[in-house]
């Protein structure tokens, strides 16, 4: 597999602010005259949104079954949005990619069960989709912050969604994948969401760094 220079993926656990960063980044690119298309996972297409509703209401469902839904959503996004955008030489910014599926549907459940069928399905079906559509990102930017800060951010909401529990396993999963070769040859790069004083950076500041380091060059 070779990376697609017009595809950038933004990854990270729920509540870390990556979706806001994706929006800020796309707006900055458009201001520069660069066409950008944002694709969230799951739920970027009409059918994908229905799959998203099912997934968010099914957090206790067998992870192998949920992984099939994520695979279906990714295929729909590729066919309806991503491939047409790339044909028009637009930049595609993915709000989640393969790493999230692996973390949430395998590593997150490892305390209860080690379902090897989940990781086999992710590696087989989703990597086949990447080869079919040529969607391996040029960079995968993994947003990170300490677990206590992340929990504090989420606790300020009215309620947590099903996928925002057990964040300890989720954060450890992302950290582990950052140093392994699961997405080889696409480089996984860390993006610290805290500044030098330990304060949470603004989404605009993070988006500006991503633009200057991984888009404009």
Protein backbone atom coordinates (compact mmCIF):
# COMPACT_ATOMS: atom_id res chain seq x y z
CA UNK A 1 0.00 0.00 0.00
CA UNK A 2 1.13 3.55 -0.68
CA UNK A 3 -0.27 6.62 1.02
CA UNK A 4 -2.59 9.05 -0.75
CA UNK A 5 -1.15 12.54 -0.45
CA UNK A 6 -4.64 14.09 -0.53
CA UNK A 7 -5.96 12.13 2.46
CA UNK A 8 -5.36 13.18 6.07
CA UNK A 9 -6.87 11.36 9.07
CA UNK A 10 -7.48 12.93 12.48
CA UNK A 11 -7.76 10.35 15.27
CA UNK A 12 -8.30 10.30 19.00
CA UNK A 13 -10.70 9.28 21.77
CA UNK A 14 -14.18 10.70 22.27
CA UNK A 15 -14.26 14.12 23.90
CA UNK A 16 -10.75 15.18 22.95
CA UNK A 17 -11.88 17.83 20.46
CA UNK A 18 -10.80 16.30 17.16
CA UNK A 19 -14.09 17.01 15.35
CA UNK A 20 -13.75 20.72 16.14
CA UNK A 21 -10.15 20.60 14.94
CA UNK A 22 -11.28 18.97 11.68
CA UNK A 23 -13.82 21.76 11.14
CA UNK A 24 -11.27 24.50 11.90
CA UNK A 25 -8.70 22.89 9.61
CA UNK A 26 -11.11 22.60 6.69
CA UNK A 27 -12.18 26.24 7.08
CA UNK A 28 -8.55 27.40 7.12
CA UNK A 29 -7.81 25.40 3.98
CA UNK A 30 -10.80 26.87 2.17
CA UNK A 31 -9.65 30.37 3.15
CA UNK A 32 -6.35 29.52 1.43
CA UNK A 33 -8.15 28.39 -1.72
CA UNK A 34 -7.65 24.69 -0.98
CA UNK A 35 -10.71 22.49 -1.43
CA UNK A 36 -11.27 20.20 1.53
CA UNK A 37 -13.95 17.60 2.22
CA UNK A 38 -14.56 16.41 5.78
CA UNK A 39 -15.73 12.83 6.33
CA UNK A 40 -16.77 11.66 9.77
CA UNK A 41 -16.93 8.01 10.74
CA UNK A 42 -19.45 6.71 11.19
CA UNK A 43 -22.25 8.74 9.62
CA UNK A 44 -20.97 10.72 6.63
CA UNK A 45 -23.66 9.47 4.24
CA UNK A 46 -27.43 9.13 4.55
CA UNK A 47 -27.24 5.40 5.12
CA UNK A 48 -24.13 5.94 7.22
CA UNK A 49 -26.09 8.22 9.56
CA UNK A 50 -28.63 5.46 10.11
CA UNK A 51 -25.75 3.08 10.83
CA UNK A 52 -24.31 5.64 13.25
CA UNK A 53 -27.61 5.79 15.13
CA UNK A 54 -27.63 1.99 15.40
CA UNK A 55 -23.99 1.91 16.56
CA UNK A 56 -24.48 4.57 19.24
CA UNK A 57 -27.52 2.71 20.56
CA UNK A 58 -25.69 -0.64 20.52
CA UNK A 59 -22.57 -0.11 22.62
CA UNK A 60 -23.12 -3.41 24.45
CA UNK A 61 -23.59 -5.35 21.22
CA UNK A 62 -21.03 -7.98 20.29
CA UNK A 63 -17.96 -6.05 19.02
CA UNK A 64 -17.63 -8.37 16.02
CA UNK A 65 -21.12 -7.37 14.85
CA UNK A 66 -20.39 -3.66 15.43
CA UNK A 67 -17.19 -3.95 13.42
CA UNK A 68 -19.23 -5.09 10.42
CA UNK A 69 -21.30 -1.91 10.71
CA UNK A 70 -18.17 0.26 10.80
CA UNK A 71 -16.83 -1.53 7.72
CA UNK A 72 -20.11 -0.93 5.88
CA UNK A 73 -20.06 2.76 6.83
CA UNK A 74 -16.49 3.16 5.59
CA UNK A 75 -17.35 1.55 2.24
CA UNK A 76 -20.36 3.86 1.79
CA UNK A 77 -18.26 6.94 2.54
CA UNK A 78 -15.61 5.81 0.08
CA UNK A 79 -18.09 5.24 -2.74
CA UNK A 80 -20.27 8.30 -2.22
CA UNK A 81 -17.88 10.98 -0.92
CA UNK A 82 -14.19 10.18 -0.72
CA UNK A 83 -13.41 8.74 -4.15
CA UNK A 84 -15.40 11.45 -6.02
CA UNK A 85 -13.60 14.14 -4.00
CA UNK A 86 -10.18 12.69 -4.77
CA UNK A 87 -11.02 12.53 -8.47
CA UNK A 88 -11.61 16.28 -8.30
CA UNK A 89 -8.19 16.72 -6.62
CA UNK A 90 -9.75 17.78 -3.33
CA UNK A 91 -8.17 17.06 0.05
CA UNK A 92 -10.11 14.60 2.20
CA UNK A 93 -9.95 15.01 5.97
CA UNK A 94 -11.12 11.89 7.80
CA UNK A 95 -12.63 12.36 11.25
CA UNK A 96 -11.62 8.87 12.48
CA UNK A 97 -10.07 6.01 10.56
CA UNK A 98 -9.02 2.37 11.08
CA UNK A 99 -7.31 3.00 14.39
CA UNK A 100 -10.56 4.00 16.11
CA UNK A 101 -12.32 0.85 14.98
CA UNK A 102 -9.51 -1.29 16.35
CA UNK A 103 -9.36 0.58 19.66
CA UNK A 104 -13.09 0.70 20.34
CA UNK A 105 -14.11 -2.70 19.00
CA UNK A 106 -11.17 -4.80 20.16
CA UNK A 107 -8.83 -3.22 22.69
CA UNK A 108 -11.70 -1.62 24.61
CA UNK A 109 -13.26 -5.05 25.14
CA UNK A 110 -10.05 -6.88 26.01
CA UNK A 111 -10.85 -6.88 29.74
CA UNK A 112 -14.00 -8.87 29.08
CA UNK A 113 -12.96 -10.94 26.09
CA UNK A 114 -10.12 -11.18 23.62
CA UNK A 115 -12.12 -11.48 20.43
CA UNK A 116 -9.48 -12.27 17.81
CA UNK A 117 -12.20 -12.35 15.16
CA UNK A 118 -12.59 -8.58 15.57
CA UNK A 119 -9.00 -7.72 14.74
CA UNK A 120 -8.97 -10.24 11.89
CA UNK A 121 -12.06 -8.60 10.41
CA UNK A 122 -10.63 -5.09 10.75
CA UNK A 123 -7.35 -6.00 9.13
CA UNK A 124 -8.93 -8.07 6.36
CA UNK A 125 -12.01 -6.12 5.31
CA UNK A 126 -10.97 -2.54 5.98
CA UNK A 127 -7.50 -2.94 4.50
CA UNK A 128 -9.10 -4.49 1.44
CA UNK A 129 -11.23 -1.34 1.19
CA UNK A 130 -8.09 0.79 1.40
CA UNK A 131 -6.40 -1.14 -1.39
CA UNK A 132 -9.57 -0.98 -3.51
CA UNK A 133 -10.01 2.77 -3.15
CA UNK A 134 -6.41 3.85 -2.53
CA UNK A 135 -7.29 5.65 0.70
CA UNK A 136 -4.28 5.10 2.93
CA UNK A 137 -3.72 8.56 4.44
CA UNK A 138 -0.54 10.51 3.96
CA UNK A 139 -0.59 11.18 7.71
CA UNK A 140 -2.67 9.94 10.62
CA UNK A 141 -2.68 12.65 13.29
CA UNK A 142 -3.42 11.16 16.71
CA UNK A 143 -4.70 13.76 19.20
CA UNK A 144 -3.73 13.02 22.77
CA UNK A 145 -4.07 14.38 26.31
CA UNK A 146 -3.79 12.92 29.82
CA UNK A 147 -6.65 10.72 30.92
CA UNK A 148 -7.61 12.91 33.88
CA UNK A 149 -7.91 15.99 31.67
CA UNK A 150 -9.98 14.07 29.13
CA UNK A 151 -12.32 12.74 31.82
CA UNK A 152 -12.73 16.24 33.23
CA UNK A 153 -13.73 17.58 29.81
CA UNK A 154 -16.32 14.86 29.30
CA UNK A 155 -17.69 15.16 32.85
CA UNK A 156 -18.68 18.76 32.07
CA UNK A 157 -21.29 17.42 29.65
CA UNK A 158 -24.83 16.54 30.71
CA UNK A 159 -24.21 12.84 30.17
CA UNK A 160 -21.71 10.44 28.64
CA UNK A 161 -22.43 8.35 25.58
CA UNK A 162 -21.85 4.61 25.70
CA UNK A 163 -18.48 4.90 23.99
CA UNK A 164 -17.23 7.50 26.51
CA UNK A 165 -16.98 4.98 29.32
CA UNK A 166 -13.87 2.92 30.01
CA UNK A 167 -11.68 5.69 28.59
CA UNK A 168 -8.66 4.28 30.39
CA UNK A 169 -8.60 1.28 28.03
CA UNK A 170 -9.32 3.54 25.05
CA UNK A 171 -6.45 5.95 25.78
CA UNK A 172 -4.03 3.07 26.40
CA UNK A 173 -5.15 1.50 23.15
CA UNK A 174 -4.41 4.61 21.14
CA UNK A 175 -1.01 4.97 22.82
CA UNK A 176 -0.10 1.38 22.01
CA UNK A 177 -1.13 1.67 18.36
CA UNK A 178 0.92 4.83 17.96
CA UNK A 179 4.12 2.84 18.34
CA UNK A 180 3.15 -0.30 16.41
CA UNK A 181 3.02 -0.95 12.68
CA UNK A 182 -0.73 -1.52 12.33
CA UNK A 183 -1.05 1.33 9.79
CA UNK A 184 2.35 0.88 8.16
CA UNK A 185 3.38 2.57 5.88
CA UNK A 186 1.12 5.53 6.82
CA UNK A 187 2.91 7.47 9.57
CA UNK A 188 1.04 7.99 12.83
CA UNK A 189 2.04 11.33 14.36
CA UNK A 190 1.15 12.52 17.86
CA UNK A 191 -0.55 15.88 18.40
CA UNK A 192 -0.42 17.12 22.01
CA UNK A 193 -3.69 18.84 22.87
CA UNK A 194 -2.08 20.61 25.84
CA UNK A 195 0.27 23.58 25.71
CA UNK A 196 3.53 23.98 27.63
CA UNK A 197 1.65 25.14 30.76
CA UNK A 198 -0.64 22.11 30.77
CA UNK A 199 -3.68 24.03 29.56
CA UNK A 200 -5.88 22.65 26.79
CA UNK A 201 -4.97 24.23 23.46
CA UNK A 202 -7.59 25.92 21.35
CA UNK A 203 -8.88 23.98 18.35
CA UNK A 204 -7.66 26.81 16.12
CA UNK A 205 -4.12 26.50 17.49
CA UNK A 206 -4.08 22.74 16.92
CA UNK A 207 -5.56 23.07 13.43
CA UNK A 208 -2.94 25.68 12.54
CA UNK A 209 -0.12 23.34 13.57
CA UNK A 210 -1.60 20.47 11.55
CA UNK A 211 -1.97 22.76 8.54
CA UNK A 212 1.62 23.98 8.71
CA UNK A 213 3.20 20.62 9.43
CA UNK A 214 1.14 18.10 7.48
CA UNK A 215 -0.90 19.91 4.80
CA UNK A 216 0.94 22.89 3.35
CA UNK A 217 4.33 21.13 2.92
